[in-house]
Amino acid sequence: MTLNELNPRWCLAARWDDADGTQHFLNGDITKRSGMGLSFLCPVHRNHRLAVMFANPIDGLPGCAESRYRWHRQGETFETLTLGPSIDASGCQHHDSIETPCWHGHITGGEIR
C-alpha cells in the first residue's frame, strides 16, 4: 500500500535547538517551520495515527528537541519518502485491539512495507 492511502500529514514540533544550544520555539506560529516529521494512519488498525520526527527535516533546520527518536529522511513528498530505520509501533497500546500489535515496518519510496 502507499503512504498516501494512510492520510499522511507533515508534523511540527514545539521546540528545536541549534548546534550551539540556542533554543527556538514555535509558539503557535506554524509558518516558522515545515516538514519536521510525519503522521499517518496505522497500517494495521487504521483507527489511530502513528507519528515520527525527522533527524533531517525538509526545511533544512534542526530536528525536534523533545523527540527521543528521530528517523533519517530521504525524499520531500509523500510519494518519494523513505525513512530509516524501521518504524516499530508494535508495543503501542493506543488502539482497541490489544491482541493485534501495531505495525512494524518501513516506508520506502512512498510505499508501506
Protein backbone atom coordinates (compact mmCIF):
# COMPACT_ATOMS: atom_id res chain seq x y z
CA MET A 1 0.00 0.00 0.00
CA THR A 2 1.12 3.58 -0.45
CA LEU A 3 1.71 6.16 2.25
CA ASN A 4 -0.93 8.35 0.56
CA GLU A 5 -3.56 5.70 1.35
CA LEU A 6 -2.92 6.32 5.07
CA ASN A 7 -3.84 10.04 5.11
CA PRO A 8 -0.30 11.33 5.76
CA ARG A 9 0.33 14.76 7.28
CA TRP A 10 3.52 16.71 7.90
CA CYS A 11 4.18 17.37 11.60
CA LEU A 12 5.77 20.22 13.51
CA ALA A 13 7.45 20.32 16.90
CA ALA A 14 7.18 22.99 19.57
CA ARG A 15 10.96 23.35 20.08
CA TRP A 16 14.24 22.85 18.28
CA ASP A 17 17.81 23.65 19.30
CA ASP A 18 20.69 24.94 17.20
CA ALA A 19 24.07 23.20 17.37
CA ASP A 20 25.28 25.92 19.77
CA GLY A 21 22.41 25.15 22.16
CA THR A 22 20.20 28.12 21.28
CA GLN A 23 16.58 27.11 21.82
CA HIS A 24 13.84 28.08 19.38
CA PHE A 25 10.10 27.78 19.99
CA LEU A 26 7.21 27.54 17.55
CA ASN A 27 4.88 29.50 19.89
CA GLY A 28 1.91 28.72 17.68
CA ASP A 29 3.45 30.27 14.56
CA ILE A 30 3.25 27.36 12.12
CA THR A 31 4.87 29.48 9.39
CA LYS A 32 8.25 29.19 11.17
CA ARG A 33 8.82 25.54 10.23
CA SER A 34 7.73 22.80 7.86
CA GLY A 35 8.25 19.06 7.44
CA MET A 36 9.74 18.27 10.84
CA GLY A 37 8.02 14.89 10.91
CA LEU A 38 5.19 12.76 9.60
CA SER A 39 1.96 11.27 10.95
CA PHE A 40 -0.17 8.66 9.21
CA LEU A 41 -2.86 6.11 9.98
CA CYS A 42 -1.60 2.87 11.48
CA PRO A 43 -1.38 0.42 8.53
CA VAL A 44 -2.72 -2.40 10.73
CA HIS A 45 -5.65 -0.81 12.59
CA ARG A 46 -6.37 2.44 10.71
CA ASN A 47 -8.14 3.84 13.77
CA HIS A 48 -5.23 5.83 15.21
CA ARG A 49 -2.22 7.73 13.90
CA LEU A 50 1.49 6.97 14.18
CA ALA A 51 4.00 9.83 14.16
CA VAL A 52 7.72 10.02 13.57
CA MET A 53 10.05 13.01 13.72
CA PHE A 54 12.90 13.51 11.26
CA ALA A 55 16.59 13.86 12.09
CA ASN A 56 16.83 15.97 8.94
CA PRO A 57 13.59 17.97 8.48
CA ILE A 58 12.55 19.01 5.00
CA ASP A 59 13.12 22.71 5.74
CA GLY A 60 16.81 22.06 6.50
CA LEU A 61 16.66 23.34 10.09
CA PRO A 62 17.41 21.22 13.20
CA GLY A 63 15.06 18.44 14.26
CA CYS A 64 12.67 18.35 17.21
CA ALA A 65 14.46 18.87 20.53
CA GLU A 66 11.94 16.85 22.54
CA SER A 67 11.85 13.76 20.34
CA ARG A 68 13.65 10.76 21.82
CA TYR A 69 13.87 9.04 18.43
CA ARG A 70 14.34 10.59 15.01
CA TRP A 71 14.27 8.96 11.58
CA HIS A 72 16.58 9.73 8.68
CA ARG A 73 14.53 11.03 5.78
CA GLN A 74 15.09 10.83 2.04
CA GLY A 75 12.58 12.44 -0.32
CA GLU A 76 10.45 15.53 0.09
CA THR A 77 6.98 14.31 -0.86
CA PHE A 78 4.72 11.55 0.42
CA GLU A 79 5.26 9.75 -2.90
CA THR A 80 9.07 9.74 -2.63
CA LEU A 81 9.57 9.45 1.14
CA THR A 82 11.98 6.85 2.51
CA LEU A 83 12.65 6.63 6.26
CA GLY A 84 15.23 4.70 8.23
CA PRO A 85 15.47 2.76 10.40
CA SER A 86 12.23 0.77 10.51
CA ILE A 87 9.24 2.16 12.37
CA ASP A 88 8.30 -0.11 15.27
CA ALA A 89 4.93 0.68 16.83
CA SER A 90 4.34 -2.95 17.82
CA GLY A 91 4.36 -2.01 21.51
CA CYS A 92 1.75 0.71 21.02
CA GLN A 93 -1.26 0.44 23.32
CA HIS A 94 -3.30 3.25 21.73
CA HIS A 95 -5.78 1.10 19.88
CA ASP A 96 -8.83 -1.02 20.57
CA SER A 97 -7.32 -4.39 19.69
CA ILE A 98 -4.58 -5.25 22.16
CA GLU A 99 -4.45 -8.75 20.66
CA THR A 100 -3.23 -7.41 17.30
CA PRO A 101 0.04 -5.49 17.62
CA CYS A 102 0.55 -2.26 15.74
CA TRP A 103 2.63 -2.05 12.63
CA HIS A 104 6.39 -2.61 12.43
CA GLY A 105 7.81 -1.90 9.01
CA HIS A 106 9.38 0.51 6.56
CA ILE A 107 8.42 3.45 4.42
CA THR A 108 10.39 3.13 1.18
CA GLY A 109 9.79 5.31 -1.86
CA GLY A 110 6.33 6.27 -0.58
CA GLU A 111 5.36 2.60 -0.08
CA ILE A 112 4.44 0.93 3.22
CA ARG A 113 6.30 -2.36 3.61
